[in-house]
Amino acid sequence: MECLRCKAEMKHYKFNGNFEIYGKEHDPGNGYARRRLPHNPHSVYVCEKCGYMELSTKNCENEDI
């Protein structure tokens, strides 16, 4: 992925922090309880050139070194 600041190639790493970010409460229907869907980050993109970081909800399959 390209850095938004300096256009260098960013590295992709796993992220195991839990921020507990949830969407708006909704009713799924069919007798299920009301719930909120999680939107927690699972990976991070890091630019080694300028230090910019971007969180992603997608899993990182192949981590960079």
Protein backbone atom coordinates (compact mmCIF):
# COMPACT_ATOMS: atom_id res chain seq x y z
CA MET A 1 0.00 0.00 0.00
CA GLU A 2 1.25 3.49 -0.82
CA CYS A 3 1.70 6.05 1.97
CA LEU A 4 -0.74 8.96 1.78
CA ARG A 5 1.91 11.45 2.97
CA CYS A 6 5.13 10.61 1.16
CA LYS A 7 4.04 8.00 -1.44
CA ALA A 8 6.58 5.39 -0.16
CA GLU A 9 5.54 1.73 0.04
CA MET A 10 4.08 0.85 3.45
CA LYS A 11 4.67 -2.41 5.33
CA HIS A 12 1.78 -4.54 6.62
CA TYR A 13 1.80 -6.08 10.13
CA LYS A 14 -0.58 -7.97 12.41
CA PHE A 15 -2.25 -5.92 15.14
CA ASN A 16 -3.59 -7.58 18.28
CA GLY A 17 -4.95 -4.58 20.20
CA ASN A 18 -8.63 -4.41 21.10
CA PHE A 19 -10.18 -0.95 20.95
CA GLU A 20 -13.76 -2.29 21.27
CA ILE A 21 -15.13 -0.23 18.38
CA TYR A 22 -18.76 -1.13 17.69
CA GLY A 23 -21.31 0.15 15.22
CA LYS A 24 -24.82 1.36 15.91
CA GLU A 25 -27.11 -1.05 17.77
CA HIS A 26 -29.51 -2.85 15.45
CA ASP A 27 -32.19 -5.54 15.59
CA PRO A 28 -31.30 -8.54 13.39
CA GLY A 29 -34.88 -9.86 13.61
CA ASN A 30 -36.11 -13.47 13.83
CA GLY A 31 -36.04 -13.39 17.66
CA TYR A 32 -32.31 -12.63 17.95
CA ALA A 33 -31.13 -10.13 20.57
CA ARG A 34 -30.23 -6.59 19.60
CA ARG A 35 -26.50 -6.27 18.91
CA ARG A 36 -23.66 -4.15 17.64
CA LEU A 37 -21.20 -5.30 15.00
CA PRO A 38 -17.47 -4.95 15.88
CA HIS A 39 -15.15 -2.80 13.74
CA ASN A 40 -11.86 -3.53 15.50
CA PRO A 41 -8.54 -3.24 13.63
CA HIS A 42 -6.72 -6.51 12.88
CA SER A 43 -3.68 -5.16 11.04
CA VAL A 44 -1.66 -1.98 10.60
CA TYR A 45 0.18 -0.41 7.66
CA VAL A 46 3.39 1.43 8.64
CA CYS A 47 5.51 3.82 6.59
CA GLU A 48 9.14 3.52 7.69
CA LYS A 49 10.07 6.72 5.82
CA CYS A 50 7.74 9.26 7.49
CA GLY A 51 6.14 7.27 10.36
CA TYR A 52 2.55 7.38 9.09
CA MET A 53 0.39 4.48 10.33
CA GLU A 54 -3.01 3.31 9.15
CA LEU A 55 -5.20 0.71 10.88
CA SER A 56 -7.15 -1.88 8.89
CA THR A 57 -10.04 -4.20 9.74
CA LYS A 58 -8.60 -6.78 7.32
CA ASN A 59 -6.36 -9.59 8.61
CA CYS A 60 -2.68 -9.57 7.65
CA GLU A 61 -1.86 -12.90 5.98
CA ASN A 62 1.81 -12.26 5.11
CA GLU A 63 3.60 -9.91 7.51
CA ASP A 64 6.50 -7.83 6.24
CA ILE A 65 9.86 -8.10 8.01
